[in-house]
Amino acid sequence: MSAVKLGWGHININVTSLDDSIAFYEKLGFTPLIPGVPYLGINSEVPAEIPAPMTTALGITEASRARACIMELDGGFPKIDLTEYDKDSQQPPGKNDDLGAVRICLASNDLAADYAKLVEAGVEFITPPTEGHGGLADIAVCMDPDGTLIEIIQIYLEKWTAQ
């Protein structure tokens, strides 16, 4: 059997306010690509019921209602799918030492300058730019409006080969 060959699609981030989350991710340089998720039958304007086959496929409650927006960064992959469900019992995201996906990482060519611009735009950071072990990278971590962790990294690959 030959190996499966997959490519990037999207990363789903469930949010409490689609509008607030779109505004936040736009500060990070993302732009709306598709105002909704067509294969789920939902758009970004009005919550719509997700069809039963899709609720089954996703393992969510039948008759779930949602609205969403697929966003992109520089036309590349992966895309992010911001989804706001109509429900009252959403749980906060995990922490860095929990199981499963806990953060996304975005690359920067000038972390200090990007950090300053984002702070000026109102983005709150958990950590300021911090030098990684051996000066191999610098990172700063912020959270989106619902607590999804976002690591912003500047990598110094020329130092990696010297290790």
N, C-alpha and C. Protein backbone atom coordinates (compact mmCIF):
# COMPACT_ATOMS: atom_id res chain seq x y z
N MET A 1 0.85 -1.18 0.00
CA MET A 1 0.00 0.00 0.00
C MET A 1 0.89 1.24 0.00
N SER A 2 0.60 2.18 -0.86
CA SER A 2 1.39 3.41 -0.90
C SER A 2 0.93 4.35 0.21
N ALA A 3 1.82 5.25 0.57
CA ALA A 3 1.53 6.20 1.64
C ALA A 3 0.45 7.19 1.19
N VAL A 4 -0.34 7.61 2.11
CA VAL A 4 -1.33 8.65 1.86
C VAL A 4 -0.59 9.96 1.67
N LYS A 5 -1.02 10.77 0.72
CA LYS A 5 -0.40 12.07 0.49
C LYS A 5 -1.46 13.14 0.71
N LEU A 6 -1.39 13.81 1.85
CA LEU A 6 -2.36 14.84 2.20
C LEU A 6 -1.72 16.22 2.10
N GLY A 7 -2.54 17.22 1.99
CA GLY A 7 -2.10 18.62 2.02
C GLY A 7 -2.91 19.36 3.07
N TRP A 8 -2.49 20.57 3.38
CA TRP A 8 -3.20 21.36 4.37
C TRP A 8 -4.56 21.81 3.85
N GLY A 9 -5.54 21.82 4.73
CA GLY A 9 -6.87 22.34 4.45
C GLY A 9 -7.10 23.56 5.32
N HIS A 10 -7.65 23.32 6.52
CA HIS A 10 -7.88 24.43 7.44
C HIS A 10 -7.78 23.96 8.88
N ILE A 11 -7.69 24.93 9.77
CA ILE A 11 -7.72 24.70 11.21
C ILE A 11 -9.01 25.35 11.70
N ASN A 12 -9.84 24.59 12.42
CA ASN A 12 -11.09 25.12 12.93
C ASN A 12 -10.88 25.71 14.32
N ILE A 13 -11.39 26.93 14.52
CA ILE A 13 -11.33 27.59 15.82
C ILE A 13 -12.76 28.01 16.16
N ASN A 14 -13.34 27.38 17.19
CA ASN A 14 -14.68 27.76 17.61
C ASN A 14 -14.59 29.02 18.47
N VAL A 15 -15.53 29.94 18.23
CA VAL A 15 -15.47 31.26 18.87
C VAL A 15 -16.84 31.62 19.44
N THR A 16 -16.84 32.53 20.41
CA THR A 16 -18.11 32.99 20.97
C THR A 16 -18.70 34.14 20.16
N SER A 17 -17.87 34.95 19.54
CA SER A 17 -18.35 36.06 18.71
C SER A 17 -17.57 36.06 17.39
N LEU A 18 -18.25 35.68 16.32
CA LEU A 18 -17.59 35.63 15.02
C LEU A 18 -17.06 37.01 14.62
N ASP A 19 -17.86 38.04 14.85
CA ASP A 19 -17.45 39.38 14.46
C ASP A 19 -16.19 39.83 15.21
N ASP A 20 -16.16 39.61 16.53
CA ASP A 20 -14.97 39.98 17.31
C ASP A 20 -13.75 39.18 16.88
N SER A 21 -13.95 37.91 16.58
CA SER A 21 -12.82 37.06 16.19
C SER A 21 -12.29 37.43 14.81
N ILE A 22 -13.17 37.75 13.88
CA ILE A 22 -12.72 38.20 12.57
C ILE A 22 -11.87 39.46 12.74
N ALA A 23 -12.35 40.41 13.55
CA ALA A 23 -11.60 41.65 13.77
C ALA A 23 -10.24 41.36 14.40
N PHE A 24 -10.18 40.42 15.35
CA PHE A 24 -8.91 40.07 15.99
C PHE A 24 -7.94 39.47 14.98
N TYR A 25 -8.39 38.48 14.22
CA TYR A 25 -7.49 37.81 13.28
C TYR A 25 -7.06 38.74 12.14
N GLU A 26 -7.89 39.74 11.82
CA GLU A 26 -7.48 40.74 10.84
C GLU A 26 -6.29 41.54 11.37
N LYS A 27 -6.23 41.78 12.67
CA LYS A 27 -5.07 42.47 13.26
C LYS A 27 -3.79 41.66 13.06
N LEU A 28 -3.93 40.33 13.00
CA LEU A 28 -2.77 39.47 12.79
C LEU A 28 -2.42 39.31 11.31
N GLY A 29 -3.19 39.95 10.43
CA GLY A 29 -2.91 39.91 9.00
C GLY A 29 -3.78 38.97 8.20
N PHE A 30 -4.73 38.27 8.84
CA PHE A 30 -5.63 37.38 8.12
C PHE A 30 -6.68 38.22 7.37
N THR A 31 -7.19 37.68 6.28
CA THR A 31 -8.28 38.32 5.55
C THR A 31 -9.38 37.28 5.31
N PRO A 32 -10.64 37.72 5.31
CA PRO A 32 -11.73 36.79 5.01
C PRO A 32 -11.58 36.24 3.59
N LEU A 33 -11.74 34.94 3.45
CA LEU A 33 -11.67 34.29 2.15
C LEU A 33 -13.07 33.90 1.68
N ILE A 34 -13.80 33.19 2.56
CA ILE A 34 -15.16 32.74 2.24
C ILE A 34 -16.05 33.09 3.44
N PRO A 35 -17.11 33.86 3.23
CA PRO A 35 -18.00 34.24 4.34
C PRO A 35 -18.95 33.11 4.71
N GLY A 36 -18.38 32.02 5.22
CA GLY A 36 -19.17 30.86 5.61
C GLY A 36 -18.39 29.59 5.33
N VAL A 37 -19.07 28.46 5.47
CA VAL A 37 -18.50 27.16 5.12
C VAL A 37 -19.54 26.48 4.23
N PRO A 38 -19.37 26.60 2.92
CA PRO A 38 -20.39 26.10 1.99
C PRO A 38 -20.78 24.64 2.19
N TYR A 39 -19.83 23.75 2.45
CA TYR A 39 -20.19 22.33 2.58
C TYR A 39 -20.96 22.03 3.86
N LEU A 40 -21.00 23.00 4.79
CA LEU A 40 -21.83 22.86 5.99
C LEU A 40 -23.15 23.62 5.85
N GLY A 41 -23.29 24.38 4.77
CA GLY A 41 -24.52 25.13 4.56
C GLY A 41 -24.66 26.33 5.48
N ILE A 42 -23.53 26.89 5.95
CA ILE A 42 -23.60 28.04 6.85
C ILE A 42 -22.84 29.23 6.25
N ASN A 43 -23.27 30.43 6.66
CA ASN A 43 -22.63 31.65 6.18
C ASN A 43 -22.15 32.47 7.38
N SER A 44 -21.65 33.68 7.12
CA SER A 44 -21.14 34.50 8.22
C SER A 44 -22.17 35.46 8.78
N GLU A 45 -23.34 35.56 8.15
CA GLU A 45 -24.31 36.57 8.57
C GLU A 45 -25.32 36.08 9.61
N VAL A 46 -26.03 35.00 9.30
CA VAL A 46 -27.13 34.53 10.15
C VAL A 46 -26.89 33.06 10.50
N PRO A 47 -27.01 32.69 11.79
CA PRO A 47 -26.84 31.27 12.14
C PRO A 47 -27.81 30.40 11.34
N ALA A 48 -27.29 29.32 10.79
CA ALA A 48 -28.11 28.38 10.02
C ALA A 48 -27.92 26.98 10.58
N GLU A 49 -28.93 26.15 10.40
CA GLU A 49 -28.86 24.76 10.86
C GLU A 49 -27.93 23.96 9.95
N ILE A 50 -27.01 23.24 10.56
CA ILE A 50 -26.10 22.39 9.81
C ILE A 50 -26.86 21.12 9.44
N PRO A 51 -26.81 20.70 8.17
CA PRO A 51 -27.55 19.50 7.74
C PRO A 51 -27.14 18.26 8.54
N ALA A 52 -28.12 17.37 8.78
CA ALA A 52 -27.92 16.17 9.60
C ALA A 52 -26.71 15.33 9.19
N PRO A 53 -26.47 15.08 7.91
CA PRO A 53 -25.27 14.27 7.58
C PRO A 53 -23.97 14.91 8.07
N MET A 54 -23.92 16.24 8.04
CA MET A 54 -22.71 16.94 8.47
C MET A 54 -22.58 16.95 9.99
N THR A 55 -23.71 17.06 10.70
CA THR A 55 -23.61 17.01 12.17
C THR A 55 -23.12 15.64 12.60
N THR A 56 -23.57 14.60 11.89
CA THR A 56 -23.10 13.24 12.18
C THR A 56 -21.61 13.13 11.89
N ALA A 57 -21.18 13.62 10.73
CA ALA A 57 -19.77 13.54 10.34
C ALA A 57 -18.87 14.28 11.32
N LEU A 58 -19.34 15.41 11.83
CA LEU A 58 -18.53 16.22 12.76
C LEU A 58 -18.69 15.80 14.22
N GLY A 59 -19.66 14.93 14.48
CA GLY A 59 -19.87 14.49 15.86
C GLY A 59 -20.46 15.57 16.75
N ILE A 60 -21.31 16.42 16.17
CA ILE A 60 -21.96 17.47 16.96
C ILE A 60 -23.46 17.20 17.02
N THR A 61 -24.14 17.86 17.91
CA THR A 61 -25.56 17.66 18.13
C THR A 61 -26.37 17.97 16.87
N GLU A 62 -27.31 17.06 16.56
CA GLU A 62 -28.19 17.28 15.42
C GLU A 62 -28.95 18.59 15.63
N ALA A 63 -29.25 19.28 14.55
CA ALA A 63 -29.93 20.57 14.55
C ALA A 63 -29.06 21.69 15.11
N SER A 64 -27.74 21.47 15.17
CA SER A 64 -26.82 22.54 15.59
C SER A 64 -26.90 23.68 14.59
N ARG A 65 -26.84 24.88 15.13
CA ARG A 65 -26.87 26.09 14.29
C ARG A 65 -25.55 26.82 14.47
N ALA A 66 -25.06 27.41 13.38
CA ALA A 66 -23.77 28.10 13.45
C ALA A 66 -23.66 29.12 12.33
N ARG A 67 -22.66 29.96 12.45
CA ARG A 67 -22.22 30.82 11.37
C ARG A 67 -20.70 30.81 11.39
N ALA A 68 -20.08 31.11 10.26
CA ALA A 68 -18.63 30.94 10.19
C ALA A 68 -18.00 31.82 9.12
N CYS A 69 -16.68 31.88 9.12
CA CYS A 69 -15.91 32.58 8.11
C CYS A 69 -14.57 31.87 7.96
N ILE A 70 -14.21 31.56 6.71
CA ILE A 70 -12.89 30.99 6.45
C ILE A 70 -11.96 32.15 6.12
N MET A 71 -10.83 32.19 6.83
CA MET A 71 -9.86 33.28 6.66
C MET A 71 -8.52 32.71 6.22
N GLU A 72 -7.72 33.57 5.59
CA GLU A 72 -6.42 33.13 5.12
C GLU A 72 -5.35 34.16 5.46
N LEU A 73 -4.12 33.71 5.44
CA LEU A 73 -2.96 34.55 5.70
C LEU A 73 -2.07 34.48 4.47
N ASP A 74 -1.92 35.59 3.77
CA ASP A 74 -1.08 35.68 2.57
C ASP A 74 -1.44 34.67 1.49
N GLY A 75 -2.69 34.28 1.39
CA GLY A 75 -3.13 33.36 0.35
C GLY A 75 -2.63 31.93 0.52
N GLY A 76 -2.01 31.65 1.67
CA GLY A 76 -1.42 30.33 1.87
C GLY A 76 -2.30 29.39 2.68
N PHE A 77 -1.74 28.24 2.99
CA PHE A 77 -2.40 27.22 3.79
C PHE A 77 -1.60 27.02 5.06
N PRO A 78 -2.22 26.60 6.14
CA PRO A 78 -3.64 26.27 6.26
C PRO A 78 -4.49 27.54 6.39
N LYS A 79 -5.74 27.41 6.02
CA LYS A 79 -6.73 28.46 6.27
C LYS A 79 -7.23 28.26 7.70
N ILE A 80 -7.89 29.27 8.25
CA ILE A 80 -8.56 29.07 9.54
C ILE A 80 -10.07 29.22 9.31
N ASP A 81 -10.81 28.38 9.98
CA ASP A 81 -12.27 28.36 9.91
C ASP A 81 -12.76 28.80 11.28
N LEU A 82 -13.22 30.04 11.36
CA LEU A 82 -13.78 30.56 12.61
C LEU A 82 -15.27 30.21 12.63
N THR A 83 -15.72 29.48 13.66
CA THR A 83 -17.11 29.04 13.72
C THR A 83 -17.73 29.44 15.05
N GLU A 84 -18.88 30.11 14.96
CA GLU A 84 -19.66 30.50 16.13
C GLU A 84 -20.91 29.63 16.19
N TYR A 85 -20.98 28.74 17.19
CA TYR A 85 -22.15 27.88 17.37
C TYR A 85 -23.17 28.58 18.26
N ASP A 86 -24.45 28.32 17.99
CA ASP A 86 -25.53 28.80 18.85
C ASP A 86 -25.70 27.81 19.99
N LYS A 87 -24.95 27.96 21.05
CA LYS A 87 -25.10 27.09 22.21
C LYS A 87 -24.56 27.79 23.43
N ASP A 88 -25.02 27.36 24.60
CA ASP A 88 -24.66 28.02 25.84
C ASP A 88 -23.55 27.33 26.62
N SER A 89 -23.15 26.12 26.21
CA SER A 89 -22.25 25.34 27.05
C SER A 89 -20.85 25.17 26.45
N GLN A 90 -20.36 26.17 25.75
CA GLN A 90 -19.02 26.05 25.19
C GLN A 90 -17.98 26.04 26.30
N GLN A 91 -16.91 25.29 26.07
CA GLN A 91 -15.84 25.16 27.05
C GLN A 91 -14.61 25.94 26.58
N PRO A 92 -13.81 26.46 27.51
CA PRO A 92 -12.61 27.20 27.11
C PRO A 92 -11.59 26.25 26.49
N PRO A 93 -10.67 26.81 25.68
CA PRO A 93 -9.64 25.96 25.05
C PRO A 93 -8.65 25.44 26.08
N GLY A 94 -7.84 24.48 25.65
CA GLY A 94 -6.83 23.89 26.52
C GLY A 94 -5.65 24.81 26.78
N LYS A 95 -4.77 24.34 27.60
CA LYS A 95 -3.53 25.05 27.91
C LYS A 95 -2.38 24.36 27.21
N ASN A 96 -1.22 24.98 27.20
CA ASN A 96 -0.07 24.45 26.47
C ASN A 96 0.33 23.04 26.87
N ASP A 97 0.03 22.62 28.09
CA ASP A 97 0.45 21.28 28.51
C ASP A 97 -0.71 20.27 28.50
N ASP A 98 -1.84 20.65 27.86
CA ASP A 98 -2.97 19.73 27.72
C ASP A 98 -2.78 18.89 26.45
N LEU A 99 -3.60 17.85 26.32
CA LEU A 99 -3.56 17.01 25.13
C LEU A 99 -4.24 17.70 23.95
N GLY A 100 -3.86 17.31 22.75
CA GLY A 100 -4.51 17.83 21.56
C GLY A 100 -3.94 19.16 21.12
N ALA A 101 -4.56 19.74 20.10
CA ALA A 101 -4.10 21.02 19.57
C ALA A 101 -4.38 22.11 20.59
N VAL A 102 -3.37 22.84 20.97
CA VAL A 102 -3.56 23.89 21.97
C VAL A 102 -3.16 25.28 21.49
N ARG A 103 -2.39 25.36 20.39
CA ARG A 103 -2.04 26.68 19.90
C ARG A 103 -1.70 26.59 18.42
N ILE A 104 -1.80 27.75 17.77
CA ILE A 104 -1.32 27.86 16.41
C ILE A 104 -0.08 28.74 16.45
N CYS A 105 0.79 28.57 15.49
CA CYS A 105 2.03 29.32 15.45
C CYS A 105 2.12 30.06 14.12
N LEU A 106 2.40 31.35 14.19
CA LEU A 106 2.56 32.18 13.01
C LEU A 106 4.01 32.66 12.96
N ALA A 107 4.58 32.72 11.77
CA ALA A 107 5.98 33.12 11.61
C ALA A 107 6.08 34.63 11.36
N SER A 108 7.16 35.20 11.89
CA SER A 108 7.45 36.62 11.73
C SER A 108 8.89 36.78 11.25
N ASN A 109 9.12 37.79 10.43
CA ASN A 109 10.48 38.13 10.02
C ASN A 109 11.09 39.17 10.94
N ASP A 110 10.25 39.86 11.73
CA ASP A 110 10.72 40.88 12.67
C ASP A 110 9.77 40.89 13.86
N LEU A 111 10.01 39.98 14.79
CA LEU A 111 9.10 39.79 15.92
C LEU A 111 8.96 41.05 16.75
N ALA A 112 10.05 41.74 17.03
CA ALA A 112 9.97 42.94 17.87
C ALA A 112 9.05 43.98 17.24
N ALA A 113 9.20 44.23 15.94
CA ALA A 113 8.36 45.22 15.27
C ALA A 113 6.91 44.76 15.19
N ASP A 114 6.68 43.48 14.85
CA ASP A 114 5.31 42.97 14.79
C ASP A 114 4.64 43.01 16.15
N TYR A 115 5.38 42.65 17.20
CA TYR A 115 4.86 42.69 18.56
C TYR A 115 4.41 44.12 18.90
N ALA A 116 5.27 45.10 18.61
CA ALA A 116 4.94 46.50 18.93
C ALA A 116 3.68 46.94 18.18
N LYS A 117 3.56 46.59 16.90
CA LYS A 117 2.38 46.97 16.12
C LYS A 117 1.12 46.30 16.66
N LEU A 118 1.22 45.04 17.05
CA LEU A 118 0.05 44.32 17.56
C LEU A 118 -0.38 44.86 18.91
N VAL A 119 0.58 45.17 19.78
CA VAL A 119 0.24 45.77 21.08
C VAL A 119 -0.46 47.11 20.86
N GLU A 120 0.07 47.90 19.92
CA GLU A 120 -0.54 49.19 19.60
C GLU A 120 -1.97 49.01 19.06
N ALA A 121 -2.21 47.89 18.36
CA ALA A 121 -3.55 47.60 17.82
C ALA A 121 -4.48 47.01 18.87
N GLY A 122 -3.99 46.80 20.10
CA GLY A 122 -4.84 46.29 21.17
C GLY A 122 -4.75 44.81 21.43
N VAL A 123 -3.82 44.11 20.78
CA VAL A 123 -3.66 42.67 21.03
C VAL A 123 -2.93 42.50 22.36
N GLU A 124 -3.51 41.68 23.25
CA GLU A 124 -2.90 41.42 24.55
C GLU A 124 -2.04 40.17 24.49
N PHE A 125 -0.83 40.28 24.99
CA PHE A 125 0.11 39.17 24.97
C PHE A 125 0.27 38.57 26.36
N ILE A 126 0.46 37.25 26.40
CA ILE A 126 0.77 36.54 27.63
C ILE A 126 2.25 36.72 27.93
N THR A 127 3.06 36.67 26.88
CA THR A 127 4.50 36.84 27.03
C THR A 127 5.01 37.80 25.95
N PRO A 128 5.96 38.65 26.30
CA PRO A 128 6.59 39.50 25.30
C PRO A 128 7.60 38.67 24.50
N PRO A 129 8.21 39.24 23.47
CA PRO A 129 9.23 38.48 22.75
C PRO A 129 10.30 37.97 23.70
N THR A 130 10.55 36.67 23.63
CA THR A 130 11.49 35.99 24.53
C THR A 130 12.43 35.14 23.70
N GLU A 131 13.72 35.23 24.02
CA GLU A 131 14.71 34.44 23.28
C GLU A 131 14.63 32.98 23.66
N GLY A 132 14.58 32.14 22.64
CA GLY A 132 14.56 30.71 22.85
C GLY A 132 15.92 30.16 23.19
N HIS A 133 15.97 28.92 23.57
CA HIS A 133 17.20 28.23 23.94
C HIS A 133 18.26 28.39 22.84
N GLY A 134 19.42 28.83 23.22
CA GLY A 134 20.53 28.97 22.28
C GLY A 134 20.34 30.05 21.23
N GLY A 135 19.36 30.92 21.42
CA GLY A 135 19.11 31.97 20.44
C GLY A 135 18.60 31.45 19.11
N LEU A 136 18.00 30.24 19.11
CA LEU A 136 17.54 29.63 17.87
C LEU A 136 16.25 30.25 17.34
N ALA A 137 15.50 30.88 18.22
CA ALA A 137 14.24 31.52 17.84
C ALA A 137 13.82 32.46 18.96
N ASP A 138 12.99 33.42 18.61
CA ASP A 138 12.34 34.28 19.59
C ASP A 138 10.84 34.05 19.45
N ILE A 139 10.13 34.02 20.58
CA ILE A 139 8.69 33.82 20.53
C ILE A 139 7.97 34.80 21.45
N ALA A 140 6.72 35.07 21.09
CA ALA A 140 5.79 35.82 21.93
C ALA A 140 4.46 35.09 21.80
N VAL A 141 3.65 35.11 22.85
CA VAL A 141 2.38 34.39 22.83
C VAL A 141 1.25 35.33 23.22
N CYS A 142 0.19 35.32 22.38
CA CYS A 142 -1.02 36.08 22.69
C CYS A 142 -2.20 35.12 22.65
N MET A 143 -3.38 35.63 22.96
CA MET A 143 -4.61 34.82 22.92
C MET A 143 -5.64 35.55 22.08
N ASP A 144 -6.46 34.77 21.39
CA ASP A 144 -7.57 35.38 20.68
C ASP A 144 -8.68 35.69 21.70
N PRO A 145 -9.78 36.30 21.29
CA PRO A 145 -10.82 36.68 22.26
C PRO A 145 -11.39 35.53 23.09
N ASP A 146 -11.23 34.27 22.63
CA ASP A 146 -11.76 33.13 23.37
C ASP A 146 -10.68 32.30 24.06
N GLY A 147 -9.45 32.77 24.02
CA GLY A 147 -8.38 32.09 24.74
C GLY A 147 -7.54 31.13 23.91
N THR A 148 -7.78 31.04 22.59
CA THR A 148 -6.92 30.21 21.75
C THR A 148 -5.52 30.82 21.75
N LEU A 149 -4.53 30.01 22.09
CA LEU A 149 -3.16 30.50 22.16
C LEU A 149 -2.56 30.64 20.76
N ILE A 150 -1.87 31.76 20.55
CA ILE A 150 -1.21 32.02 19.27
C ILE A 150 0.24 32.37 19.57
N GLU A 151 1.12 31.52 19.09
CA GLU A 151 2.56 31.75 19.22
C GLU A 151 3.02 32.47 17.96
N ILE A 152 3.79 33.52 18.16
CA ILE A 152 4.40 34.21 17.02
C ILE A 152 5.89 34.00 17.17
N ILE A 153 6.52 33.47 16.12
CA ILE A 153 7.91 33.04 16.20
C ILE A 153 8.77 33.68 15.11
N GLN A 154 9.97 34.05 15.50
CA GLN A 154 11.00 34.44 14.54
C GLN A 154 12.11 33.41 14.69
N ILE A 155 12.35 32.66 13.62
CA ILE A 155 13.34 31.58 13.65
C ILE A 155 14.65 32.04 13.02
N TYR A 156 15.76 31.65 13.63
CA TYR A 156 17.09 31.96 13.11
C TYR A 156 17.71 30.65 12.63
N LEU A 157 17.28 30.21 11.44
CA LEU A 157 17.71 28.90 10.91
C LEU A 157 19.22 28.78 10.77
N GLU A 158 19.91 29.88 10.52
CA GLU A 158 21.36 29.82 10.37
C GLU A 158 22.03 29.33 11.65
N LYS A 159 21.41 29.51 12.78
CA LYS A 159 21.96 29.02 14.04
C LYS A 159 21.64 27.55 14.26
N TRP A 160 20.61 27.03 13.60
CA TRP A 160 20.20 25.63 13.80
C TRP A 160 21.25 24.68 13.26
N THR A 161 21.86 25.01 12.15
CA THR A 161 22.86 24.11 11.58
C THR A 161 24.15 24.08 12.38
N ALA A 162 24.37 25.10 13.18
CA ALA A 162 25.58 25.17 14.00
C ALA A 162 25.48 24.30 15.24
N GLN A 163 24.29 23.79 15.54
CA GLN A 163 24.06 23.00 16.76
C GLN A 163 24.61 21.61 16.65
